[in-house]
Structure formats: C-alpha cells, structure tokens
Amino acid sequence: MPHKVKIQEIGFITHNVLQIRTQRPADYDFEPGQATEVALDKEGWREKKRPFTFTGLPDDGFLEFTIKVYPDHKGVTDMLQTLEQGDHLLLEDVWGAISYQGPGVFLAGGAGVTPFIAIFRHLAQQNQLEGNRLLFANKRERDIIMEAEFEKWLGKDFINILSEEHSSKYPHGFMDTQFLKEHITDKDAKFYLCGPPPMMKSVQKDLEALGITKDQMVAEELS
C-alpha cells in the first residue's frame, strides 16, 4: 500500500524546479541518495508513478523532493505545478543504489544532481565535505539547481559547465574527456554519476578511457 502524505510546502526554487516538502510517515527511512516512486492523489493520476529522489536528510521531520518540471510532456511533473499546500502525494517504498562510499568526484547533468543534494547536505552536517568535488553540467546558468548552497558547501570544488550559454562565470562546453582531464586530480577516488542516460554513458566511457574502473563508479546503473 502506498503512503499518503500531505504537502506542507511547495514552490519554485529555479525557473523550472519545484521543491516540495511533505509529512513523513512513521518508520519511513532512507539513506541520502535514495529515491521513491511518487504519484498524485488525484483521479486519473494515482497509477502514474514517477521516481524522485529525497533531497532532505534522514533525520528531518519531513520529506523533501526537488523536481524539475517538464510542461511540454503534459505528465506528472507538469501536474505537480498545480498542487498546493494541503494536497496529497502517494509514496511507494524506498529504493536506490546511489550512496556515499567515501570522498570522490560527483558528476551530474541537470536534474541528475538531486541524489547528490542529500549526500552533500549530510556531509556538511557531519563536517565531512573535504575531499569531495562536484562537476555539474547544465544548459544555462539559470538551470543550475541550488547554486548558492553548492558554492557554500564546496567552494572551488563546485565546478560548472554550460552547453548553451556563454557566461563570464562558468566555462562553455560539455562534460567531455578534456573537461574531465582538467578537473580529475585523483584517479583512485570514487566517482558518483547521475544524469541523462546518453550523457552518463558518454561520461562513463570517458572515465574508463582515463583509467577509472567500474568498481570506482557509483550509479543507479552502469552500461
């Protein structure tokens, strides 16, 4: 049976990213980086489940999701924009293979950064951010999710690249072999991957070309 939870807060944190906080069911536990399937508790939508990552911490008294909306798709994320405080979501059990396994390089594309939000929040809480680096690829600067928080947590180890915009703040291009060579200083580290499947497949191939093994990589799925 799904868990029915009431929305406590909902609002946009970027032009196309919603942050939703809900009640937390009793005995509903997760590790930073894990996810669940979410459905809207509305007629015609209860069976349309989509995977979303928890971006709050395991000891918070609420659950938090940070979700990129896609209005063009006319699907679940588009409908999420219509919800208000007091509406309900339906949550399934917790799942997910991404968990913190030691200092390393986090490689994210767009909304793929969401599993890393809880991980970095937890590391900040534990005073264990040192030795970690986030390489983050987006189309435009306005697409960067939680830019200020990542800057605060990681400083110079928060490294961005933009594919569709030339910015004075961040380099232009893609997360390709050259970019990875420039920003990977320890090839014995752990490598955490999350983003659009075509991008992650390419990044995995580039990492392997640099001598990094699959055993060093943490992802939901490796090709």
C-alpha atoms as a PDB file:
ATOM      1  CA  MET A   1       0.000   0.000   0.000  1.00  0.00           C
ATOM      2  CA  PRO A   2       1.329   3.461  -0.846  1.00  0.00           C
ATOM      3  CA  HIS A   3       1.946   6.021   1.880  1.00  0.00           C
ATOM      4  CA  LYS A   4      -0.386   9.041   1.632  1.00  0.00           C
ATOM      5  CA  VAL A   5       1.365  12.257   2.687  1.00  0.00           C
ATOM      6  CA  LYS A   6       0.161  15.843   2.895  1.00  0.00           C
ATOM      7  CA  ILE A   7       2.115  18.646   1.191  1.00  0.00           C
ATOM      8  CA  GLN A   8       3.363  21.140   3.782  1.00  0.00           C
ATOM      9  CA  GLU A   9       5.267  23.494   1.440  1.00  0.00           C
ATOM     10  CA  ILE A  10       5.563  23.793  -2.328  1.00  0.00           C
ATOM     11  CA  GLY A  11       7.269  26.393  -4.522  1.00  0.00           C
ATOM     12  CA  PHE A  12       9.781  27.032  -7.297  1.00  0.00           C
ATOM     13  CA  ILE A  13      13.478  27.394  -6.439  1.00  0.00           C
ATOM     14  CA  THR A  14      14.525  28.000 -10.084  1.00  0.00           C
ATOM     15  CA  HIS A  15      12.514  28.840 -13.203  1.00  0.00           C
ATOM     16  CA  ASN A  16      11.637  25.151 -13.700  1.00  0.00           C
ATOM     17  CA  VAL A  17      12.458  23.316 -10.450  1.00  0.00           C
ATOM     18  CA  LEU A  18       9.907  22.737  -7.701  1.00  0.00           C
ATOM     19  CA  GLN A  19      10.754  22.000  -4.100  1.00  0.00           C
ATOM     20  CA  ILE A  20       8.087  20.062  -2.208  1.00  0.00           C
ATOM     21  CA  ARG A  21       8.040  19.228   1.500  1.00  0.00           C
ATOM     22  CA  THR A  22       5.571  16.696   2.842  1.00  0.00           C
ATOM     23  CA  GLN A  23       4.641  14.915   6.021  1.00  0.00           C
ATOM     24  CA  ARG A  24       6.865  11.994   6.876  1.00  0.00           C
ATOM     25  CA  PRO A  25       5.211   8.622   7.537  1.00  0.00           C
ATOM     26  CA  ALA A  26       6.212   6.770  10.705  1.00  0.00           C
ATOM     27  CA  ASP A  27       9.073   4.288  10.179  1.00  0.00           C
ATOM     28  CA  TYR A  28       9.750   5.626   6.676  1.00  0.00           C
ATOM     29  CA  ASP A  29      13.543   5.641   6.467  1.00  0.00           C
ATOM     30  CA  PHE A  30      16.014   6.342   3.669  1.00  0.00           C
ATOM     31  CA  GLU A  31      19.709   6.939   3.098  1.00  0.00           C
ATOM     32  CA  PRO A  32      20.997  10.112   1.385  1.00  0.00           C
ATOM     33  CA  GLY A  33      20.930   9.453  -2.362  1.00  0.00           C
ATOM     34  CA  GLN A  34      17.910   7.152  -2.318  1.00  0.00           C
ATOM     35  CA  ALA A  35      14.546   7.682  -4.009  1.00  0.00           C
ATOM     36  CA  THR A  36      10.942   6.524  -4.184  1.00  0.00           C
ATOM     37  CA  GLU A  37       8.119   6.460  -6.695  1.00  0.00           C
ATOM     38  CA  VAL A  38       5.612   9.285  -6.326  1.00  0.00           C
ATOM     39  CA  ALA A  39       2.060   9.678  -7.636  1.00  0.00           C
ATOM     40  CA  LEU A  40      -0.528  12.423  -7.275  1.00  0.00           C
ATOM     41  CA  ASP A  41      -3.519  11.567  -5.092  1.00  0.00           C
ATOM     42  CA  LYS A  42      -5.952  12.717  -7.770  1.00  0.00           C
ATOM     43  CA  GLU A  43      -8.428  10.925 -10.007  1.00  0.00           C
ATOM     44  CA  GLY A  44      -6.676   9.578 -13.093  1.00  0.00           C
ATOM     45  CA  TRP A  45      -3.186  10.128 -11.669  1.00  0.00           C
ATOM     46  CA  ARG A  46      -2.805   7.609  -8.820  1.00  0.00           C
ATOM     47  CA  GLU A  47      -1.273   4.922 -11.055  1.00  0.00           C
ATOM     48  CA  LYS A  48       1.124   7.311 -12.816  1.00  0.00           C
ATOM     49  CA  LYS A  49       4.170   6.831 -10.622  1.00  0.00           C
ATOM     50  CA  ARG A  50       7.461   8.617 -11.236  1.00  0.00           C
ATOM     51  CA  PRO A  51      10.840   8.215  -9.474  1.00  0.00           C
ATOM     52  CA  PHE A  52      12.013  11.170  -7.403  1.00  0.00           C
ATOM     53  CA  THR A  53      14.951  11.488  -5.025  1.00  0.00           C
ATOM     54  CA  PHE A  54      14.746  12.592  -1.402  1.00  0.00           C
ATOM     55  CA  THR A  55      16.728  15.833  -1.065  1.00  0.00           C
ATOM     56  CA  GLY A  56      16.219  16.338   2.654  1.00  0.00           C
ATOM     57  CA  LEU A  57      18.070  14.495   5.407  1.00  0.00           C
ATOM     58  CA  PRO A  58      17.166  11.190   7.080  1.00  0.00           C
ATOM     59  CA  ASP A  59      16.657  12.914  10.442  1.00  0.00           C
ATOM     60  CA  ASP A  60      14.421  15.719   9.138  1.00  0.00           C
ATOM     61  CA  GLY A  61      10.867  15.661  10.422  1.00  0.00           C
ATOM     62  CA  PHE A  62       9.588  16.000   6.852  1.00  0.00           C
ATOM     63  CA  LEU A  63      10.319  14.636   3.371  1.00  0.00           C
ATOM     64  CA  GLU A  64      11.672  16.909   0.668  1.00  0.00           C
ATOM     65  CA  PHE A  65      11.750  16.477  -3.113  1.00  0.00           C
ATOM     66  CA  THR A  66      13.458  18.777  -5.614  1.00  0.00           C
ATOM     67  CA  ILE A  67      11.833  18.175  -9.003  1.00  0.00           C
ATOM     68  CA  LYS A  68      12.425  19.571 -12.469  1.00  0.00           C
ATOM     69  CA  VAL A  69       9.122  20.139 -14.257  1.00  0.00           C
ATOM     70  CA  TYR A  70       8.559  19.443 -17.939  1.00  0.00           C
ATOM     71  CA  PRO A  71       5.399  21.313 -19.056  1.00  0.00           C
ATOM     72  CA  ASP A  72       5.815  20.103 -22.653  1.00  0.00           C
ATOM     73  CA  HIS A  73       5.345  16.492 -21.555  1.00  0.00           C
ATOM     74  CA  LYS A  74       1.841  17.128 -20.106  1.00  0.00           C
ATOM     75  CA  GLY A  75       2.634  14.497 -17.477  1.00  0.00           C
ATOM     76  CA  VAL A  76       3.228  14.113 -13.754  1.00  0.00           C
ATOM     77  CA  THR A  77       5.789  16.903 -13.341  1.00  0.00           C
ATOM     78  CA  ASP A  78       3.528  19.327 -15.227  1.00  0.00           C
ATOM     79  CA  MET A  79       0.632  18.394 -12.913  1.00  0.00           C
ATOM     80  CA  LEU A  80       2.815  18.902  -9.828  1.00  0.00           C
ATOM     81  CA  GLN A  81       2.778  22.631 -10.608  1.00  0.00           C
ATOM     82  CA  THR A  82      -0.972  22.684  -9.950  1.00  0.00           C
ATOM     83  CA  LEU A  83      -0.678  21.282  -6.414  1.00  0.00           C
ATOM     84  CA  GLU A  84      -0.969  23.370  -3.287  1.00  0.00           C
ATOM     85  CA  GLN A  85      -0.267  23.109   0.410  1.00  0.00           C
ATOM     86  CA  GLY A  86      -2.715  20.559   1.835  1.00  0.00           C
ATOM     87  CA  ASP A  87      -2.867  18.383  -1.291  1.00  0.00           C
ATOM     88  CA  HIS A  88      -1.590  14.805  -1.051  1.00  0.00           C
ATOM     89  CA  LEU A  89       1.042  12.635  -2.721  1.00  0.00           C
ATOM     90  CA  LEU A  90       1.292   8.847  -2.737  1.00  0.00           C
ATOM     91  CA  LEU A  91       4.742   7.388  -1.982  1.00  0.00           C
ATOM     92  CA  GLU A  92       5.986   3.857  -2.577  1.00  0.00           C
ATOM     93  CA  ASP A  93       8.818   2.103  -0.737  1.00  0.00           C
ATOM     94  CA  VAL A  94      12.375   3.478  -0.732  1.00  0.00           C
ATOM     95  CA  TRP A  95      14.924   2.279  -3.294  1.00  0.00           C
ATOM     96  CA  GLY A  96      18.180   3.395  -4.918  1.00  0.00           C
ATOM     97  CA  ALA A  97      21.762   2.323  -5.470  1.00  0.00           C
ATOM     98  CA  ILE A  98      23.458   5.705  -5.036  1.00  0.00           C
ATOM     99  CA  SER A  99      25.015   6.078  -1.597  1.00  0.00           C
ATOM    100  CA  TYR A 100      28.118   7.773  -0.243  1.00  0.00           C
ATOM    101  CA  GLN A 101      31.096   5.428  -0.275  1.00  0.00           C
ATOM    102  CA  GLY A 102      33.915   7.807   0.505  1.00  0.00           C
ATOM    103  CA  PRO A 103      35.474  11.012  -0.867  1.00  0.00           C
ATOM    104  CA  GLY A 104      35.302  11.418  -4.606  1.00  0.00           C
ATOM    105  CA  VAL A 105      34.126  13.237  -7.699  1.00  0.00           C
ATOM    106  CA  PHE A 106      30.416  13.710  -8.276  1.00  0.00           C
ATOM    107  CA  LEU A 107      29.400  14.096 -11.937  1.00  0.00           C
ATOM    108  CA  ALA A 108      25.885  15.399 -12.581  1.00  0.00           C
ATOM    109  CA  GLY A 109      23.829  16.579 -15.510  1.00  0.00           C
ATOM    110  CA  GLY A 110      20.799  18.803 -14.877  1.00  0.00           C
ATOM    111  CA  ALA A 111      18.235  17.245 -12.532  1.00  0.00           C
ATOM    112  CA  GLY A 112      20.642  14.318 -12.076  1.00  0.00           C
ATOM    113  CA  VAL A 113      22.174  16.329  -9.251  1.00  0.00           C
ATOM    114  CA  THR A 114      19.219  15.571  -6.949  1.00  0.00           C
ATOM    115  CA  PRO A 115      20.652  12.389  -5.323  1.00  0.00           C
ATOM    116  CA  PHE A 116      23.771  14.394  -4.502  1.00  0.00           C
ATOM    117  CA  ILE A 117      21.844  17.161  -2.707  1.00  0.00           C
ATOM    118  CA  ALA A 118      21.025  14.943   0.277  1.00  0.00           C
ATOM    119  CA  ILE A 119      24.517  13.430   0.237  1.00  0.00           C
ATOM    120  CA  PHE A 120      26.217  16.841   0.372  1.00  0.00           C
ATOM    121  CA  ARG A 121      23.757  18.102   2.990  1.00  0.00           C
ATOM    122  CA  HIS A 122      24.597  15.094   5.128  1.00  0.00           C
ATOM    123  CA  LEU A 123      28.340  15.550   4.608  1.00  0.00           C
ATOM    124  CA  ALA A 124      28.005  19.231   5.584  1.00  0.00           C
ATOM    125  CA  GLN A 125      26.122  18.207   8.734  1.00  0.00           C
ATOM    126  CA  GLN A 126      28.889  15.702   9.574  1.00  0.00           C
ATOM    127  CA  ASN A 127      31.740  18.128   8.705  1.00  0.00           C
ATOM    128  CA  GLN A 128      32.981  15.693   6.044  1.00  0.00           C
ATOM    129  CA  LEU A 129      32.849  17.740   2.824  1.00  0.00           C
ATOM    130  CA  GLU A 130      36.616  17.812   2.394  1.00  0.00           C
ATOM    131  CA  GLY A 131      37.941  15.697  -0.470  1.00  0.00           C
ATOM    132  CA  ASN A 132      34.714  15.863  -2.480  1.00  0.00           C
ATOM    133  CA  ARG A 133      34.141  17.703  -5.741  1.00  0.00           C
ATOM    134  CA  LEU A 134      31.033  18.285  -7.891  1.00  0.00           C
ATOM    135  CA  LEU A 135      31.264  18.618 -11.679  1.00  0.00           C
ATOM    136  CA  PHE A 136      27.880  19.916 -12.847  1.00  0.00           C
ATOM    137  CA  ALA A 137      26.712  20.253 -16.471  1.00  0.00           C
ATOM    138  CA  ASN A 138      23.727  22.411 -17.428  1.00  0.00           C
ATOM    139  CA  LYS A 139      22.430  24.226 -20.485  1.00  0.00           C
ATOM    140  CA  ARG A 140      22.277  27.717 -18.944  1.00  0.00           C
ATOM    141  CA  GLU A 141      23.278  29.380 -15.688  1.00  0.00           C
ATOM    142  CA  ARG A 142      19.649  29.784 -14.637  1.00  0.00           C
ATOM    143  CA  ASP A 143      19.259  25.982 -14.824  1.00  0.00           C
ATOM    144  CA  ILE A 144      21.775  25.346 -12.018  1.00  0.00           C
ATOM    145  CA  ILE A 145      19.881  23.793  -9.116  1.00  0.00           C
ATOM    146  CA  MET A 146      20.836  25.087  -5.640  1.00  0.00           C
ATOM    147  CA  GLU A 147      23.823  27.028  -6.966  1.00  0.00           C
ATOM    148  CA  ALA A 148      24.275  29.102  -3.793  1.00  0.00           C
ATOM    149  CA  GLU A 149      24.148  26.070  -1.498  1.00  0.00           C
ATOM    150  CA  PHE A 150      26.721  24.118  -3.521  1.00  0.00           C
ATOM    151  CA  GLU A 151      29.011  27.170  -3.604  1.00  0.00           C
ATOM    152  CA  LYS A 152      28.747  27.435   0.177  1.00  0.00           C
ATOM    153  CA  TRP A 153      29.414  23.736   0.713  1.00  0.00           C
ATOM    154  CA  LEU A 154      32.157  23.158  -1.851  1.00  0.00           C
ATOM    155  CA  GLY A 155      33.728  26.491  -2.804  1.00  0.00           C
ATOM    156  CA  LYS A 156      36.307  25.937  -5.555  1.00  0.00           C
ATOM    157  CA  ASP A 157      35.321  22.258  -5.709  1.00  0.00           C
ATOM    158  CA  PHE A 158      31.945  23.215  -7.225  1.00  0.00           C
ATOM    159  CA  ILE A 159      32.745  23.233 -10.958  1.00  0.00           C
ATOM    160  CA  ASN A 160      30.148  24.046 -13.595  1.00  0.00           C
ATOM    161  CA  ILE A 161      29.994  23.897 -17.380  1.00  0.00           C
ATOM    162  CA  LEU A 162      27.236  25.302 -19.617  1.00  0.00           C
ATOM    163  CA  SER A 163      26.416  23.886 -23.050  1.00  0.00           C
ATOM    164  CA  GLU A 164      24.037  26.538 -24.430  1.00  0.00           C
ATOM    165  CA  GLU A 165      25.215  29.781 -22.859  1.00  0.00           C
ATOM    166  CA  HIS A 166      28.435  31.777 -22.738  1.00  0.00           C
ATOM    167  CA  SER A 167      28.843  33.119 -19.217  1.00  0.00           C
ATOM    168  CA  SER A 168      31.550  35.199 -17.563  1.00  0.00           C
ATOM    169  CA  LYS A 169      31.220  32.954 -14.519  1.00  0.00           C
ATOM    170  CA  TYR A 170      31.367  29.434 -15.988  1.00  0.00           C
ATOM    171  CA  PRO A 171      33.057  27.758 -18.979  1.00  0.00           C
ATOM    172  CA  HIS A 172      31.132  26.809 -22.103  1.00  0.00           C
ATOM    173  CA  GLY A 173      31.070  23.266 -23.474  1.00  0.00           C
ATOM    174  CA  PHE A 174      30.319  19.700 -22.489  1.00  0.00           C
ATOM    175  CA  MET A 175      31.448  17.248 -19.824  1.00  0.00           C
ATOM    176  CA  ASP A 176      33.835  15.573 -22.268  1.00  0.00           C
ATOM    177  CA  THR A 177      37.254  13.931 -21.964  1.00  0.00           C
ATOM    178  CA  GLN A 178      39.119  17.245 -21.921  1.00  0.00           C
ATOM    179  CA  PHE A 179      36.893  18.684 -19.186  1.00  0.00           C
ATOM    180  CA  LEU A 180      37.267  15.530 -17.076  1.00  0.00           C
ATOM    181  CA  LYS A 181      41.071  15.514 -17.521  1.00  0.00           C
ATOM    182  CA  GLU A 182      41.236  19.111 -16.291  1.00  0.00           C
ATOM    183  CA  HIS A 183      39.193  18.524 -13.164  1.00  0.00           C
ATOM    184  CA  ILE A 184      40.007  14.999 -12.009  1.00  0.00           C
ATOM    185  CA  THR A 185      43.058  15.177  -9.780  1.00  0.00           C
ATOM    186  CA  ASP A 186      42.787  11.788  -8.050  1.00  0.00           C
ATOM    187  CA  LYS A 187      42.138   8.797 -10.283  1.00  0.00           C
ATOM    188  CA  ASP A 188      41.887   6.493  -7.259  1.00  0.00           C
ATOM    189  CA  ALA A 189      38.815   8.292  -5.893  1.00  0.00           C
ATOM    190  CA  LYS A 190      35.188   7.222  -6.055  1.00  0.00           C
ATOM    191  CA  PHE A 191      33.153   8.581  -8.988  1.00  0.00           C
ATOM    192  CA  TYR A 192      29.437   9.228  -8.497  1.00  0.00           C
ATOM    193  CA  LEU A 193      27.376   9.541 -11.693  1.00  0.00           C
ATOM    194  CA  CYS A 194      23.822  10.755 -12.241  1.00  0.00           C
ATOM    195  CA  GLY A 195      22.234  12.484 -15.209  1.00  0.00           C
ATOM    196  CA  PRO A 196      20.524  11.883 -18.558  1.00  0.00           C
ATOM    197  CA  PRO A 197      21.359   8.312 -19.737  1.00  0.00           C
ATOM    198  CA  PRO A 198      23.113   9.340 -23.014  1.00  0.00           C
ATOM    199  CA  MET A 199      25.325  11.784 -21.126  1.00  0.00           C
ATOM    200  CA  MET A 200      26.149   9.288 -18.365  1.00  0.00           C
ATOM    201  CA  LYS A 201      27.002   6.608 -20.931  1.00  0.00           C
ATOM    202  CA  SER A 202      29.425   9.030 -22.588  1.00  0.00           C
ATOM    203  CA  VAL A 203      30.921  10.128 -19.242  1.00  0.00           C
ATOM    204  CA  GLN A 204      31.389   6.511 -18.166  1.00  0.00           C
ATOM    205  CA  LYS A 205      33.210   5.754 -21.424  1.00  0.00           C
ATOM    206  CA  ASP A 206      35.448   8.806 -20.968  1.00  0.00           C
ATOM    207  CA  LEU A 207      36.223   7.854 -17.352  1.00  0.00           C
ATOM    208  CA  GLU A 208      37.187   4.336 -18.407  1.00  0.00           C
ATOM    209  CA  ALA A 209      39.462   5.819 -21.102  1.00  0.00           C
ATOM    210  CA  LEU A 210      41.184   7.768 -18.302  1.00  0.00           C
ATOM    211  CA  GLY A 211      41.857   4.507 -16.441  1.00  0.00           C
ATOM    212  CA  ILE A 212      38.990   4.647 -13.948  1.00  0.00           C
ATOM    213  CA  THR A 213      37.339   1.278 -13.340  1.00  0.00           C
ATOM    214  CA  LYS A 214      33.667   0.390 -12.954  1.00  0.00           C
ATOM    215  CA  ASP A 215      34.413  -0.649  -9.378  1.00  0.00           C
ATOM    216  CA  GLN A 216      35.187   3.005  -8.600  1.00  0.00           C
ATOM    217  CA  MET A 217      31.883   4.219 -10.059  1.00  0.00           C
ATOM    218  CA  VAL A 218      28.642   4.630  -8.114  1.00  0.00           C
ATOM    219  CA  ALA A 219      25.447   4.978 -10.177  1.00  0.00           C
ATOM    220  CA  GLU A 220      21.927   3.614 -10.451  1.00  0.00           C
ATOM    221  CA  GLU A 221      23.058   1.688 -13.487  1.00  0.00           C
ATOM    222  CA  LEU A 222      26.311   1.380 -15.428  1.00  0.00           C
ATOM    223  CA  SER A 223      26.489   0.419 -19.090  1.00  0.00           C
END
